[in-house]
Amino acid sequence: MKKSIKVKPNSKKQAIIEEEDGSLTVHLKSPPVDGKANKELVELLAKKFDVPKSHISIQVGLSGRNKLVNIE
């Protein structure tokens, strides 16, 4: 399953908000430095969709706020 995700790093608390169009807005505590925000994103999505972290890959947007993520 592919999900379009908008990431908001440096938030006060973690949250996953499902938008009306099926995309997700994810608030992350981590800063967008050295891949910390991407790592936190993968961990949050693994918990939400109840899959191992290895089944989640960021297809597009490794260094941007808008991402396309593949969840097996």
C-alpha atoms as a PDB file:
ATOM      1  CA  MET A   1       0.000   0.000   0.000  1.00  0.00           C
ATOM      2  CA  LYS A   2       1.337   3.432  -0.879  1.00  0.00           C
ATOM      3  CA  LYS A   3       0.649   6.428   1.356  1.00  0.00           C
ATOM      4  CA  SER A   4       1.235  10.101   0.725  1.00  0.00           C
ATOM      5  CA  ILE A   5       2.615  11.694   3.887  1.00  0.00           C
ATOM      6  CA  LYS A   6       3.305  15.262   4.958  1.00  0.00           C
ATOM      7  CA  VAL A   7       5.867  15.376   7.767  1.00  0.00           C
ATOM      8  CA  LYS A   8       6.093  18.120  10.388  1.00  0.00           C
ATOM      9  CA  PRO A   9       9.375  17.690  12.307  1.00  0.00           C
ATOM     10  CA  ASN A  10      10.254  19.394  15.639  1.00  0.00           C
ATOM     11  CA  SER A  11       6.683  19.111  16.964  1.00  0.00           C
ATOM     12  CA  LYS A  12       5.951  19.082  20.677  1.00  0.00           C
ATOM     13  CA  LYS A  13       4.262  15.678  20.485  1.00  0.00           C
ATOM     14  CA  GLN A  14       3.961  12.793  18.078  1.00  0.00           C
ATOM     15  CA  ALA A  15       0.716  12.435  16.172  1.00  0.00           C
ATOM     16  CA  ILE A  16      -0.608  10.808  13.032  1.00  0.00           C
ATOM     17  CA  ILE A  17      -3.572  12.609  11.476  1.00  0.00           C
ATOM     18  CA  GLU A  18      -5.523  10.997   8.660  1.00  0.00           C
ATOM     19  CA  GLU A  19      -6.712  13.540   6.100  1.00  0.00           C
ATOM     20  CA  GLU A  20      -9.965  13.312   4.112  1.00  0.00           C
ATOM     21  CA  ASP A  21      -8.119  12.456   0.889  1.00  0.00           C
ATOM     22  CA  GLY A  22      -6.468   9.392   2.496  1.00  0.00           C
ATOM     23  CA  SER A  23      -3.074  11.006   3.002  1.00  0.00           C
ATOM     24  CA  LEU A  24      -1.427  11.316   6.403  1.00  0.00           C
ATOM     25  CA  THR A  25       0.020  14.278   8.279  1.00  0.00           C
ATOM     26  CA  VAL A  26       2.623  13.101  10.785  1.00  0.00           C
ATOM     27  CA  HIS A  27       3.965  15.278  13.599  1.00  0.00           C
ATOM     28  CA  LEU A  28       7.429  14.154  14.729  1.00  0.00           C
ATOM     29  CA  LYS A  29       9.496  15.191  17.742  1.00  0.00           C
ATOM     30  CA  SER A  30      12.815  14.605  15.967  1.00  0.00           C
ATOM     31  CA  PRO A  31      14.627  17.299  13.994  1.00  0.00           C
ATOM     32  CA  PRO A  32      15.211  16.716  10.257  1.00  0.00           C
ATOM     33  CA  VAL A  33      18.935  16.100  10.817  1.00  0.00           C
ATOM     34  CA  ASP A  34      20.957  12.969   9.949  1.00  0.00           C
ATOM     35  CA  GLY A  35      17.805  11.014   9.067  1.00  0.00           C
ATOM     36  CA  LYS A  36      16.408  11.169  12.622  1.00  0.00           C
ATOM     37  CA  ALA A  37      12.963  12.326  11.470  1.00  0.00           C
ATOM     38  CA  ASN A  38      12.789   9.596   8.795  1.00  0.00           C
ATOM     39  CA  LYS A  39      13.728   6.949  11.362  1.00  0.00           C
ATOM     40  CA  GLU A  40      11.045   8.187  13.763  1.00  0.00           C
ATOM     41  CA  LEU A  41       8.520   8.245  10.897  1.00  0.00           C
ATOM     42  CA  VAL A  42       9.216   4.598  10.017  1.00  0.00           C
ATOM     43  CA  GLU A  43       8.881   3.585  13.688  1.00  0.00           C
ATOM     44  CA  LEU A  44       5.535   5.394  14.063  1.00  0.00           C
ATOM     45  CA  LEU A  45       4.115   3.936  10.856  1.00  0.00           C
ATOM     46  CA  ALA A  46       5.228   0.429  11.864  1.00  0.00           C
ATOM     47  CA  LYS A  47       3.278   0.772  15.125  1.00  0.00           C
ATOM     48  CA  LYS A  48       0.201   2.266  13.444  1.00  0.00           C
ATOM     49  CA  PHE A  49      -0.071  -0.360  10.686  1.00  0.00           C
ATOM     50  CA  ASP A  50       1.242  -3.213  12.886  1.00  0.00           C
ATOM     51  CA  VAL A  51       4.035  -4.279  10.520  1.00  0.00           C
ATOM     52  CA  PRO A  52       7.794  -4.688  11.039  1.00  0.00           C
ATOM     53  CA  LYS A  53       9.940  -1.614  10.330  1.00  0.00           C
ATOM     54  CA  SER A  54      11.615  -3.526   7.495  1.00  0.00           C
ATOM     55  CA  HIS A  55       8.277  -3.554   5.597  1.00  0.00           C
ATOM     56  CA  ILE A  56       8.198   0.252   5.364  1.00  0.00           C
ATOM     57  CA  SER A  57      10.237   2.139   2.782  1.00  0.00           C
ATOM     58  CA  ILE A  58      10.311   5.803   1.799  1.00  0.00           C
ATOM     59  CA  GLN A  59      10.005   5.847  -2.001  1.00  0.00           C
ATOM     60  CA  VAL A  60      10.068   9.604  -2.647  1.00  0.00           C
ATOM     61  CA  GLY A  61      11.053  12.568  -0.516  1.00  0.00           C
ATOM     62  CA  LEU A  62      13.886  11.362   1.715  1.00  0.00           C
ATOM     63  CA  SER A  63      15.026  14.945   2.260  1.00  0.00           C
ATOM     64  CA  GLY A  64      11.662  16.733   1.933  1.00  0.00           C
ATOM     65  CA  ARG A  65       8.525  17.165   3.981  1.00  0.00           C
ATOM     66  CA  ASN A  66       6.252  15.505   1.408  1.00  0.00           C
ATOM     67  CA  LYS A  67       6.912  11.793   1.140  1.00  0.00           C
ATOM     68  CA  LEU A  68       5.558   8.752  -0.637  1.00  0.00           C
ATOM     69  CA  VAL A  69       5.866   5.683   1.580  1.00  0.00           C
ATOM     70  CA  ASN A  70       5.370   2.043   0.609  1.00  0.00           C
ATOM     71  CA  ILE A  71       3.965  -0.253   3.298  1.00  0.00           C
ATOM     72  CA  GLU A  72       4.079  -3.989   2.564  1.00  0.00           C
END
